[in-house]
Amino acid sequence: MKPSNSRPSNHSRAGGVKNKPKMKKDTAYKRAQAAYHRIQEERRKEAEDRQKKKEEREKAIEGYMSIKKKMNKALKKRTKKGQPKLNAQVEVLLEKIEKRVVKK
């Protein structure tokens, strides 16, 4: 005798194979919609990349211009008689040399 609360085994079914749910194929609309979303995501990423590059470029230019202003201001210094101050020019040259040494 079998206990009454036991489940029937898989062997009692025909063929012993479980029924699998069938995979539904995507319709043309869903495929088109997925392609649209993928393209929109790619475009959004490209726009973000362009924006980041633009900001980096602007930041680099701003840094370069601030250094250039500082150098020009030092080179424009003059005495009361209109002669250039050599002390400022020597400092500018020293900074240039130090930058080259740091790069190498």
PDB file of N, CA and C in Angstrom:
ATOM      1  N   MET A   1       0.815  -1.179   0.000  1.00  0.00           N
ATOM      2  CA  MET A   1       0.000   0.000   0.000  1.00  0.00           C
ATOM      3  C   MET A   1       0.862   1.246   0.000  1.00  0.00           C
ATOM      4  N   LYS A   2       0.367   2.241  -0.775  1.00  0.00           N
ATOM      5  CA  LYS A   2       1.060   3.519  -0.842  1.00  0.00           C
ATOM      6  C   LYS A   2       0.409   4.491   0.115  1.00  0.00           C
ATOM      7  N   PRO A   3       1.178   5.386   0.705  1.00  0.00           N
ATOM      8  CA  PRO A   3       0.550   6.409   1.532  1.00  0.00           C
ATOM      9  C   PRO A   3      -0.285   7.339   0.652  1.00  0.00           C
ATOM     10  N   SER A   4      -1.356   7.843   1.149  1.00  0.00           N
ATOM     11  CA  SER A   4      -2.296   8.641   0.366  1.00  0.00           C
ATOM     12  C   SER A   4      -1.794  10.056   0.078  1.00  0.00           C
ATOM     13  N   ASN A   5      -0.863  10.557   0.863  1.00  0.00           N
ATOM     14  CA  ASN A   5      -0.405  11.924   0.651  1.00  0.00           C
ATOM     15  C   ASN A   5       0.805  12.012  -0.268  1.00  0.00           C
ATOM     16  N   SER A   6       1.268  10.946  -0.871  1.00  0.00           N
ATOM     17  CA  SER A   6       2.423  10.998  -1.777  1.00  0.00           C
ATOM     18  C   SER A   6       1.981  11.451  -3.161  1.00  0.00           C
ATOM     19  N   ARG A   7       2.906  12.128  -3.834  1.00  0.00           N
ATOM     20  CA  ARG A   7       2.620  12.620  -5.182  1.00  0.00           C
ATOM     21  C   ARG A   7       2.930  11.529  -6.195  1.00  0.00           C
ATOM     22  N   PRO A   8       2.274  11.576  -7.308  1.00  0.00           N
ATOM     23  CA  PRO A   8       2.606  10.578  -8.341  1.00  0.00           C
ATOM     24  C   PRO A   8       3.958  10.924  -8.947  1.00  0.00           C
ATOM     25  N   SER A   9       4.743   9.957  -9.274  1.00  0.00           N
ATOM     26  CA  SER A   9       6.068  10.177  -9.834  1.00  0.00           C
ATOM     27  C   SER A   9       5.958  10.569 -11.297  1.00  0.00           C
ATOM     28  N   ASN A  10       7.054  11.038 -11.853  1.00  0.00           N
ATOM     29  CA  ASN A  10       7.084  11.457 -13.257  1.00  0.00           C
ATOM     30  C   ASN A  10       6.891  10.263 -14.187  1.00  0.00           C
ATOM     31  N   HIS A  11       7.181   9.091 -13.700  1.00  0.00           N
ATOM     32  CA  HIS A  11       7.096   7.898 -14.544  1.00  0.00           C
ATOM     33  C   HIS A  11       5.656   7.547 -14.878  1.00  0.00           C
ATOM     34  N   SER A  12       4.729   8.001 -14.099  1.00  0.00           N
ATOM     35  CA  SER A  12       3.332   7.657 -14.354  1.00  0.00           C
ATOM     36  C   SER A  12       2.758   8.471 -15.512  1.00  0.00           C
ATOM     37  N   ARG A  13       3.412   9.580 -15.873  1.00  0.00           N
ATOM     38  CA  ARG A  13       2.933  10.374 -17.000  1.00  0.00           C
ATOM     39  C   ARG A  13       3.340   9.707 -18.303  1.00  0.00           C
ATOM     40  N   ALA A  14       2.691  10.122 -19.364  1.00  0.00           N
ATOM     41  CA  ALA A  14       2.986   9.541 -20.675  1.00  0.00           C
ATOM     42  C   ALA A  14       4.349  10.006 -21.140  1.00  0.00           C
ATOM     43  N   GLY A  15       5.229   9.113 -21.383  1.00  0.00           N
ATOM     44  CA  GLY A  15       6.558   9.435 -21.895  1.00  0.00           C
ATOM     45  C   GLY A  15       7.511   9.909 -20.822  1.00  0.00           C
ATOM     46  N   GLY A  16       7.052  10.253 -19.668  1.00  0.00           N
ATOM     47  CA  GLY A  16       7.915  10.682 -18.582  1.00  0.00           C
ATOM     48  C   GLY A  16       8.557  12.044 -18.823  1.00  0.00           C
ATOM     49  N   VAL A  17       8.047  12.872 -19.725  1.00  0.00           N
ATOM     50  CA  VAL A  17       8.620  14.185 -20.030  1.00  0.00           C
ATOM     51  C   VAL A  17       7.692  15.260 -19.494  1.00  0.00           C
ATOM     52  N   LYS A  18       8.289  16.258 -18.814  1.00  0.00           N
ATOM     53  CA  LYS A  18       7.489  17.366 -18.291  1.00  0.00           C
ATOM     54  C   LYS A  18       7.122  18.306 -19.427  1.00  0.00           C
ATOM     55  N   ASN A  19       6.006  18.953 -19.295  1.00  0.00           N
ATOM     56  CA  ASN A  19       5.586  19.934 -20.293  1.00  0.00           C
ATOM     57  C   ASN A  19       6.398  21.208 -20.101  1.00  0.00           C
ATOM     58  N   LYS A  20       7.079  21.667 -21.153  1.00  0.00           N
ATOM     59  CA  LYS A  20       7.856  22.901 -21.097  1.00  0.00           C
ATOM     60  C   LYS A  20       7.055  24.017 -21.735  1.00  0.00           C
ATOM     61  N   PRO A  21       7.092  25.192 -21.134  1.00  0.00           N
ATOM     62  CA  PRO A  21       6.385  26.311 -21.777  1.00  0.00           C
ATOM     63  C   PRO A  21       7.099  26.679 -23.072  1.00  0.00           C
ATOM     64  N   LYS A  22       6.328  26.955 -24.094  1.00  0.00           N
ATOM     65  CA  LYS A  22       6.904  27.314 -25.387  1.00  0.00           C
ATOM     66  C   LYS A  22       7.417  28.744 -25.349  1.00  0.00           C
ATOM     67  N   MET A  23       8.572  28.959 -25.956  1.00  0.00           N
ATOM     68  CA  MET A  23       9.160  30.299 -26.037  1.00  0.00           C
ATOM     69  C   MET A  23       8.440  31.064 -27.140  1.00  0.00           C
ATOM     70  N   LYS A  24       7.909  32.217 -26.775  1.00  0.00           N
ATOM     71  CA  LYS A  24       7.234  33.044 -27.765  1.00  0.00           C
ATOM     72  C   LYS A  24       8.273  33.878 -28.502  1.00  0.00           C
ATOM     73  N   LYS A  25       8.168  33.917 -29.807  1.00  0.00           N
ATOM     74  CA  LYS A  25       9.075  34.735 -30.597  1.00  0.00           C
ATOM     75  C   LYS A  25       8.625  36.195 -30.521  1.00  0.00           C
ATOM     76  N   ASP A  26       9.619  37.070 -30.566  1.00  0.00           N
ATOM     77  CA  ASP A  26       9.297  38.496 -30.543  1.00  0.00           C
ATOM     78  C   ASP A  26       8.609  38.888 -31.837  1.00  0.00           C
ATOM     79  N   THR A  27       7.657  39.765 -31.705  1.00  0.00           N
ATOM     80  CA  THR A  27       6.976  40.269 -32.887  1.00  0.00           C
ATOM     81  C   THR A  27       7.869  41.318 -33.548  1.00  0.00           C
ATOM     82  N   ALA A  28       7.529  41.694 -34.749  1.00  0.00           N
ATOM     83  CA  ALA A  28       8.312  42.689 -35.484  1.00  0.00           C
ATOM     84  C   ALA A  28       8.301  44.015 -34.730  1.00  0.00           C
ATOM     85  N   TYR A  29       7.194  44.345 -34.104  1.00  0.00           N
ATOM     86  CA  TYR A  29       7.094  45.598 -33.339  1.00  0.00           C
ATOM     87  C   TYR A  29       8.058  45.594 -32.162  1.00  0.00           C
ATOM     88  N   LYS A  30       8.109  44.478 -31.425  1.00  0.00           N
ATOM     89  CA  LYS A  30       9.008  44.404 -30.273  1.00  0.00           C
ATOM     90  C   LYS A  30      10.472  44.453 -30.703  1.00  0.00           C
ATOM     91  N   ARG A  31      10.798  43.789 -31.810  1.00  0.00           N
ATOM     92  CA  ARG A  31      12.181  43.849 -32.316  1.00  0.00           C
ATOM     93  C   ARG A  31      12.549  45.270 -32.714  1.00  0.00           C
ATOM     94  N   ALA A  32      11.620  45.953 -33.390  1.00  0.00           N
ATOM     95  CA  ALA A  32      11.876  47.335 -33.802  1.00  0.00           C
ATOM     96  C   ALA A  32      12.010  48.246 -32.588  1.00  0.00           C
ATOM     97  N   GLN A  33      11.180  48.012 -31.584  1.00  0.00           N
ATOM     98  CA  GLN A  33      11.225  48.812 -30.368  1.00  0.00           C
ATOM     99  C   GLN A  33      12.552  48.591 -29.634  1.00  0.00           C
ATOM    100  N   ALA A  34      13.005  47.359 -29.570  1.00  0.00           N
ATOM    101  CA  ALA A  34      14.281  47.054 -28.916  1.00  0.00           C
ATOM    102  C   ALA A  34      15.439  47.703 -29.677  1.00  0.00           C
ATOM    103  N   ALA A  35      15.384  47.657 -31.000  1.00  0.00           N
ATOM    104  CA  ALA A  35      16.429  48.291 -31.805  1.00  0.00           C
ATOM    105  C   ALA A  35      16.423  49.800 -31.594  1.00  0.00           C
ATOM    106  N   TYR A  36      15.246  50.382 -31.511  1.00  0.00           N
ATOM    107  CA  TYR A  36      15.125  51.829 -31.278  1.00  0.00           C
ATOM    108  C   TYR A  36      15.740  52.211 -29.940  1.00  0.00           C
ATOM    109  N   HIS A  37      15.423  51.457 -28.901  1.00  0.00           N
ATOM    110  CA  HIS A  37      15.957  51.757 -27.571  1.00  0.00           C
ATOM    111  C   HIS A  37      17.478  51.589 -27.536  1.00  0.00           C
ATOM    112  N   ARG A  38      17.980  50.573 -28.223  1.00  0.00           N
ATOM    113  CA  ARG A  38      19.431  50.351 -28.276  1.00  0.00           C
ATOM    114  C   ARG A  38      20.126  51.522 -28.975  1.00  0.00           C
ATOM    115  N   ILE A  39      19.559  51.972 -30.080  1.00  0.00           N
ATOM    116  CA  ILE A  39      20.146  53.098 -30.823  1.00  0.00           C
ATOM    117  C   ILE A  39      20.093  54.365 -29.983  1.00  0.00           C
ATOM    118  N   GLN A  40      18.985  54.601 -29.296  1.00  0.00           N
ATOM    119  CA  GLN A  40      18.862  55.790 -28.453  1.00  0.00           C
ATOM    120  C   GLN A  40      19.887  55.766 -27.321  1.00  0.00           C
ATOM    121  N   GLU A  41      20.124  54.591 -26.741  1.00  0.00           N
ATOM    122  CA  GLU A  41      21.114  54.460 -25.667  1.00  0.00           C
ATOM    123  C   GLU A  41      22.518  54.745 -26.198  1.00  0.00           C
ATOM    124  N   GLU A  42      22.839  54.237 -27.388  1.00  0.00           N
ATOM    125  CA  GLU A  42      24.152  54.503 -27.996  1.00  0.00           C
ATOM    126  C   GLU A  42      24.332  55.999 -28.249  1.00  0.00           C
ATOM    127  N   ARG A  43      23.314  56.640 -28.761  1.00  0.00           N
ATOM    128  CA  ARG A  43      23.389  58.079 -29.042  1.00  0.00           C
ATOM    129  C   ARG A  43      23.582  58.878 -27.752  1.00  0.00           C
ATOM    130  N   ARG A  44      22.885  58.469 -26.689  1.00  0.00           N
ATOM    131  CA  ARG A  44      23.013  59.156 -25.406  1.00  0.00           C
ATOM    132  C   ARG A  44      24.436  59.014 -24.866  1.00  0.00           C
ATOM    133  N   LYS A  45      25.004  57.808 -24.981  1.00  0.00           N
ATOM    134  CA  LYS A  45      26.374  57.585 -24.511  1.00  0.00           C
ATOM    135  C   LYS A  45      27.372  58.411 -25.320  1.00  0.00           C
ATOM    136  N   GLU A  46      27.184  58.469 -26.636  1.00  0.00           N
ATOM    137  CA  GLU A  46      28.070  59.266 -27.480  1.00  0.00           C
ATOM    138  C   GLU A  46      27.986  60.739 -27.117  1.00  0.00           C
ATOM    139  N   ALA A  47      26.783  61.225 -26.846  1.00  0.00           N
ATOM    140  CA  ALA A  47      26.613  62.635 -26.461  1.00  0.00           C
ATOM    141  C   ALA A  47      27.311  62.918 -25.132  1.00  0.00           C
ATOM    142  N   GLU A  48      27.220  61.993 -24.188  1.00  0.00           N
ATOM    143  CA  GLU A  48      27.907  62.159 -22.901  1.00  0.00           C
ATOM    144  C   GLU A  48      29.418  62.190 -23.095  1.00  0.00           C
ATOM    145  N   ASP A  49      29.927  61.294 -23.964  1.00  0.00           N
ATOM    146  CA  ASP A  49      31.369  61.270 -24.237  1.00  0.00           C
ATOM    147  C   ASP A  49      31.832  62.586 -24.855  1.00  0.00           C
ATOM    148  N   ARG A  50      31.058  63.099 -25.814  1.00  0.00           N
ATOM    149  CA  ARG A  50      31.409  64.381 -26.438  1.00  0.00           C
ATOM    150  C   ARG A  50      31.427  65.499 -25.402  1.00  0.00           C
ATOM    151  N   GLN A  51      30.441  65.498 -24.511  1.00  0.00           N
ATOM    152  CA  GLN A  51      30.360  66.539 -23.487  1.00  0.00           C
ATOM    153  C   GLN A  51      31.560  66.455 -22.546  1.00  0.00           C
ATOM    154  N   LYS A  52      31.952  65.252 -22.138  1.00  0.00           N
ATOM    155  CA  LYS A  52      33.109  65.078 -21.251  1.00  0.00           C
ATOM    156  C   LYS A  52      34.385  65.571 -21.925  1.00  0.00           C
ATOM    157  N   LYS A  53      34.567  65.203 -23.200  1.00  0.00           N
ATOM    158  CA  LYS A  53      35.760  65.643 -23.927  1.00  0.00           C
ATOM    159  C   LYS A  53      35.794  67.162 -24.049  1.00  0.00           C
ATOM    160  N   LYS A  54      34.633  67.758 -24.297  1.00  0.00           N
ATOM    161  CA  LYS A  54      34.557  69.217 -24.431  1.00  0.00           C
ATOM    162  C   LYS A  54      34.931  69.891 -23.112  1.00  0.00           C
ATOM    163  N   GLU A  55      34.417  69.368 -21.995  1.00  0.00           N
ATOM    164  CA  GLU A  55      34.740  69.940 -20.690  1.00  0.00           C
ATOM    165  C   GLU A  55      36.226  69.800 -20.374  1.00  0.00           C
ATOM    166  N   GLU A  56      36.811  68.634 -20.684  1.00  0.00           N
ATOM    167  CA  GLU A  56      38.246  68.430 -20.440  1.00  0.00           C
ATOM    168  C   GLU A  56      39.077  69.402 -21.275  1.00  0.00           C
ATOM    169  N   ARG A  57      38.678  69.575 -22.541  1.00  0.00           N
ATOM    170  CA  ARG A  57      39.400  70.482 -23.427  1.00  0.00           C
ATOM    171  C   ARG A  57      39.320  71.922 -22.911  1.00  0.00           C
ATOM    172  N   GLU A  58      38.120  72.340 -22.477  1.00  0.00           N
ATOM    173  CA  GLU A  58      37.947  73.698 -21.952  1.00  0.00           C
ATOM    174  C   GLU A  58      38.767  73.898 -20.682  1.00  0.00           C
ATOM    175  N   LYS A  59      38.822  72.886 -19.843  1.00  0.00           N
ATOM    176  CA  LYS A  59      39.593  72.972 -18.599  1.00  0.00           C
ATOM    177  C   LYS A  59      41.084  73.104 -18.915  1.00  0.00           C
ATOM    178  N   ALA A  60      41.563  72.323 -19.886  1.00  0.00           N
ATOM    179  CA  ALA A  60      42.972  72.390 -20.269  1.00  0.00           C
ATOM    180  C   ALA A  60      43.302  73.772 -20.847  1.00  0.00           C
ATOM    181  N   ILE A  61      42.427  74.298 -21.680  1.00  0.00           N
ATOM    182  CA  ILE A  61      42.655  75.618 -22.280  1.00  0.00           C
ATOM    183  C   ILE A  61      42.655  76.688 -21.207  1.00  0.00           C
ATOM    184  N   GLU A  62      41.737  76.566 -20.247  1.00  0.00           N
ATOM    185  CA  GLU A  62      41.663  77.551 -19.172  1.00  0.00           C
ATOM    186  C   GLU A  62      42.952  77.548 -18.343  1.00  0.00           C
ATOM    187  N   GLY A  63      43.465  76.364 -18.047  1.00  0.00           N
ATOM    188  CA  GLY A  63      44.722  76.258 -17.306  1.00  0.00           C
ATOM    189  C   GLY A  63      45.882  76.860 -18.080  1.00  0.00           C
ATOM    190  N   TYR A  64      45.937  76.577 -19.374  1.00  0.00           N
ATOM    191  CA  TYR A  64      47.001  77.111 -20.222  1.00  0.00           C
ATOM    192  C   TYR A  64      46.938  78.638 -20.268  1.00  0.00           C
ATOM    193  N   MET A  65      45.720  79.169 -20.423  1.00  0.00           N
ATOM    194  CA  MET A  65      45.576  80.622 -20.526  1.00  0.00           C
ATOM    195  C   MET A  65      45.940  81.314 -19.216  1.00  0.00           C
ATOM    196  N   SER A  66      45.626  80.707 -18.080  1.00  0.00           N
ATOM    197  CA  SER A  66      45.975  81.336 -16.801  1.00  0.00           C
ATOM    198  C   SER A  66      47.493  81.389 -16.624  1.00  0.00           C
ATOM    199  N   ILE A  67      48.175  80.319 -17.031  1.00  0.00           N
ATOM    200  CA  ILE A  67      49.644  80.315 -16.946  1.00  0.00           C
ATOM    201  C   ILE A  67      50.226  81.363 -17.897  1.00  0.00           C
ATOM    202  N   LYS A  68      49.665  81.443 -19.090  1.00  0.00           N
ATOM    203  CA  LYS A  68      50.157  82.404 -20.075  1.00  0.00           C
ATOM    204  C   LYS A  68      49.960  83.844 -19.587  1.00  0.00           C
ATOM    205  N   LYS A  69      48.800  84.131 -18.972  1.00  0.00           N
ATOM    206  CA  LYS A  69      48.555  85.474 -18.435  1.00  0.00           C
ATOM    207  C   LYS A  69      49.581  85.816 -17.364  1.00  0.00           C
ATOM    208  N   LYS A  70      49.839  84.851 -16.495  1.00  0.00           N
ATOM    209  CA  LYS A  70      50.801  85.068 -15.408  1.00  0.00           C
ATOM    210  C   LYS A  70      52.190  85.370 -15.982  1.00  0.00           C
ATOM    211  N   MET A  71      52.605  84.634 -16.986  1.00  0.00           N
ATOM    212  CA  MET A  71      53.919  84.836 -17.604  1.00  0.00           C
ATOM    213  C   MET A  71      53.987  86.212 -18.280  1.00  0.00           C
ATOM    214  N   ASN A  72      52.953  86.567 -19.023  1.00  0.00           N
ATOM    215  CA  ASN A  72      52.948  87.860 -19.719  1.00  0.00           C
ATOM    216  C   ASN A  72      52.960  89.025 -18.737  1.00  0.00           C
ATOM    217  N   LYS A  73      52.230  88.859 -17.638  1.00  0.00           N
ATOM    218  CA  LYS A  73      52.206  89.914 -16.631  1.00  0.00           C
ATOM    219  C   LYS A  73      53.600  90.118 -16.046  1.00  0.00           C
ATOM    220  N   ALA A  74      54.312  89.010 -15.808  1.00  0.00           N
ATOM    221  CA  ALA A  74      55.666  89.109 -15.256  1.00  0.00           C
ATOM    222  C   ALA A  74      56.617  89.743 -16.274  1.00  0.00           C
ATOM    223  N   LEU A  75      56.454  89.400 -17.548  1.00  0.00           N
ATOM    224  CA  LEU A  75      57.358  89.929 -18.578  1.00  0.00           C
ATOM    225  C   LEU A  75      57.082  91.397 -18.891  1.00  0.00           C
ATOM    226  N   LYS A  76      55.888  91.902 -18.613  1.00  0.00           N
ATOM    227  CA  LYS A  76      55.550  93.293 -18.903  1.00  0.00           C
ATOM    228  C   LYS A  76      55.990  94.265 -17.809  1.00  0.00           C
ATOM    229  N   LYS A  77      56.494  93.744 -16.706  1.00  0.00           N
ATOM    230  CA  LYS A  77      56.905  94.631 -15.616  1.00  0.00           C
ATOM    231  C   LYS A  77      58.052  95.528 -16.078  1.00  0.00           C
ATOM    232  N   ARG A  78      57.946  96.804 -15.714  1.00  0.00           N
ATOM    233  CA  ARG A  78      58.953  97.794 -16.118  1.00  0.00           C
ATOM    234  C   ARG A  78      59.352  98.646 -14.927  1.00  0.00           C
ATOM    235  N   THR A  79      60.517  99.262 -15.054  1.00  0.00           N
ATOM    236  CA  THR A  79      60.981 100.218 -14.043  1.00  0.00           C
ATOM    237  C   THR A  79      60.329 101.565 -14.303  1.00  0.00           C
ATOM    238  N   LYS A  80      60.622 102.554 -13.445  1.00  0.00           N
ATOM    239  CA  LYS A  80      60.048 103.887 -13.634  1.00  0.00           C
ATOM    240  C   LYS A  80      60.506 104.516 -14.936  1.00  0.00           C
ATOM    241  N   LYS A  81      61.705 104.174 -15.377  1.00  0.00           N
ATOM    242  CA  LYS A  81      62.246 104.744 -16.614  1.00  0.00           C
ATOM    243  C   LYS A  81      61.828 103.954 -17.854  1.00  0.00           C
ATOM    244  N   GLY A  82      61.066 102.832 -17.656  1.00  0.00           N
ATOM    245  CA  GLY A  82      60.575 102.067 -18.802  1.00  0.00           C
ATOM    246  C   GLY A  82      61.438 100.884 -19.178  1.00  0.00           C
ATOM    247  N   GLN A  83      62.450 100.604 -18.403  1.00  0.00           N
ATOM    248  CA  GLN A  83      63.315  99.461 -18.703  1.00  0.00           C
ATOM    249  C   GLN A  83      62.674  98.172 -18.158  1.00  0.00           C
ATOM    250  N   PRO A  84      62.818  97.039 -18.856  1.00  0.00           N
ATOM    251  CA  PRO A  84      62.242  95.782 -18.353  1.00  0.00           C
ATOM    252  C   PRO A  84      62.955  95.311 -17.086  1.00  0.00           C
ATOM    253  N   LYS A  85      62.184  94.733 -16.180  1.00  0.00           N
ATOM    254  CA  LYS A  85      62.757  94.187 -14.959  1.00  0.00           C
ATOM    255  C   LYS A  85      63.292  92.791 -15.269  1.00  0.00           C
ATOM    256  N   LEU A  86      64.580  92.635 -15.183  1.00  0.00           N
ATOM    257  CA  LEU A  86      65.203  91.367 -15.531  1.00  0.00           C
ATOM    258  C   LEU A  86      64.911  90.285 -14.494  1.00  0.00           C
ATOM    259  N   ASN A  87      64.654  90.695 -13.271  1.00  0.00           N
ATOM    260  CA  ASN A  87      64.344  89.730 -12.225  1.00  0.00           C
ATOM    261  C   ASN A  87      63.106  88.906 -12.608  1.00  0.00           C
ATOM    262  N   ALA A  88      62.077  89.562 -13.120  1.00  0.00           N
ATOM    263  CA  ALA A  88      60.845  88.880 -13.519  1.00  0.00           C
ATOM    264  C   ALA A  88      61.095  87.947 -14.700  1.00  0.00           C
ATOM    265  N   GLN A  89      61.940  88.402 -15.659  1.00  0.00           N
ATOM    266  CA  GLN A  89      62.229  87.567 -16.822  1.00  0.00           C
ATOM    267  C   GLN A  89      63.008  86.315 -16.431  1.00  0.00           C
ATOM    268  N   VAL A  90      63.917  86.478 -15.477  1.00  0.00           N
ATOM    269  CA  VAL A  90      64.696  85.322 -15.019  1.00  0.00           C
ATOM    270  C   VAL A  90      63.774  84.316 -14.318  1.00  0.00           C
ATOM    271  N   GLU A  91      62.812  84.798 -13.545  1.00  0.00           N
ATOM    272  CA  GLU A  91      61.871  83.909 -12.870  1.00  0.00           C
ATOM    273  C   GLU A  91      61.041  83.122 -13.879  1.00  0.00           C
ATOM    274  N   VAL A  92      60.616  83.789 -14.947  1.00  0.00           N
ATOM    275  CA  VAL A  92      59.831  83.112 -15.983  1.00  0.00           C
ATOM    276  C   VAL A  92      60.670  82.013 -16.625  1.00  0.00           C
ATOM    277  N   LEU A  93      61.907  82.318 -16.966  1.00  0.00           N
ATOM    278  CA  LEU A  93      62.779  81.319 -17.575  1.00  0.00           C
ATOM    279  C   LEU A  93      63.032  80.150 -16.619  1.00  0.00           C
ATOM    280  N   LEU A  94      63.203  80.445 -15.344  1.00  0.00           N
ATOM    281  CA  LEU A  94      63.427  79.404 -14.351  1.00  0.00           C
ATOM    282  C   LEU A  94      62.220  78.464 -14.267  1.00  0.00           C
ATOM    283  N   GLU A  95      61.016  78.999 -14.286  1.00  0.00           N
ATOM    284  CA  GLU A  95      59.807  78.168 -14.245  1.00  0.00           C
ATOM    285  C   GLU A  95      59.726  77.263 -15.471  1.00  0.00           C
ATOM    286  N   LYS A  96      60.066  77.791 -16.637  1.00  0.00           N
ATOM    287  CA  LYS A  96      60.051  76.978 -17.863  1.00  0.00           C
ATOM    288  C   LYS A  96      61.032  75.818 -17.758  1.00  0.00           C
ATOM    289  N   ILE A  97      62.222  76.101 -17.257  1.00  0.00           N
ATOM    290  CA  ILE A  97      63.238  75.057 -17.121  1.00  0.00           C
ATOM    291  C   ILE A  97      62.777  73.996 -16.125  1.00  0.00           C
ATOM    292  N   GLU A  98      62.195  74.421 -15.009  1.00  0.00           N
ATOM    293  CA  GLU A  98      61.712  73.471 -14.008  1.00  0.00           C
ATOM    294  C   GLU A  98      60.613  72.576 -14.574  1.00  0.00           C
ATOM    295  N   LYS A  99      59.740  73.111 -15.384  1.00  0.00           N
ATOM    296  CA  LYS A  99      58.679  72.301 -16.003  1.00  0.00           C
ATOM    297  C   LYS A  99      59.264  71.250 -16.927  1.00  0.00           C
ATOM    298  N   ARG A 100      60.282  71.615 -17.692  1.00  0.00           N
ATOM    299  CA  ARG A 100      60.919  70.658 -18.595  1.00  0.00           C
ATOM    300  C   ARG A 100      61.585  69.529 -17.819  1.00  0.00           C
ATOM    301  N   VAL A 101      62.220  69.860 -16.708  1.00  0.00           N
ATOM    302  CA  VAL A 101      62.906  68.853 -15.901  1.00  0.00           C
ATOM    303  C   VAL A 101      61.887  67.889 -15.287  1.00  0.00           C
ATOM    304  N   VAL A 102      60.747  68.407 -14.864  1.00  0.00           N
ATOM    305  CA  VAL A 102      59.719  67.563 -14.249  1.00  0.00           C
ATOM    306  C   VAL A 102      59.127  66.618 -15.281  1.00  0.00           C
ATOM    307  N   LYS A 103      58.921  67.067 -16.524  1.00  0.00           N
ATOM    308  CA  LYS A 103      58.348  66.236 -17.568  1.00  0.00           C
ATOM    309  C   LYS A 103      59.224  65.037 -17.901  1.00  0.00           C
ATOM    310  N   LYS A 104      60.536  65.233 -17.908  1.00  0.00           N
ATOM    311  CA  LYS A 104      61.452  64.154 -18.307  1.00  0.00           C
ATOM    312  C   LYS A 104      61.691  63.215 -17.209  1.00  0.00           C
TER     313      LYS A 104
END
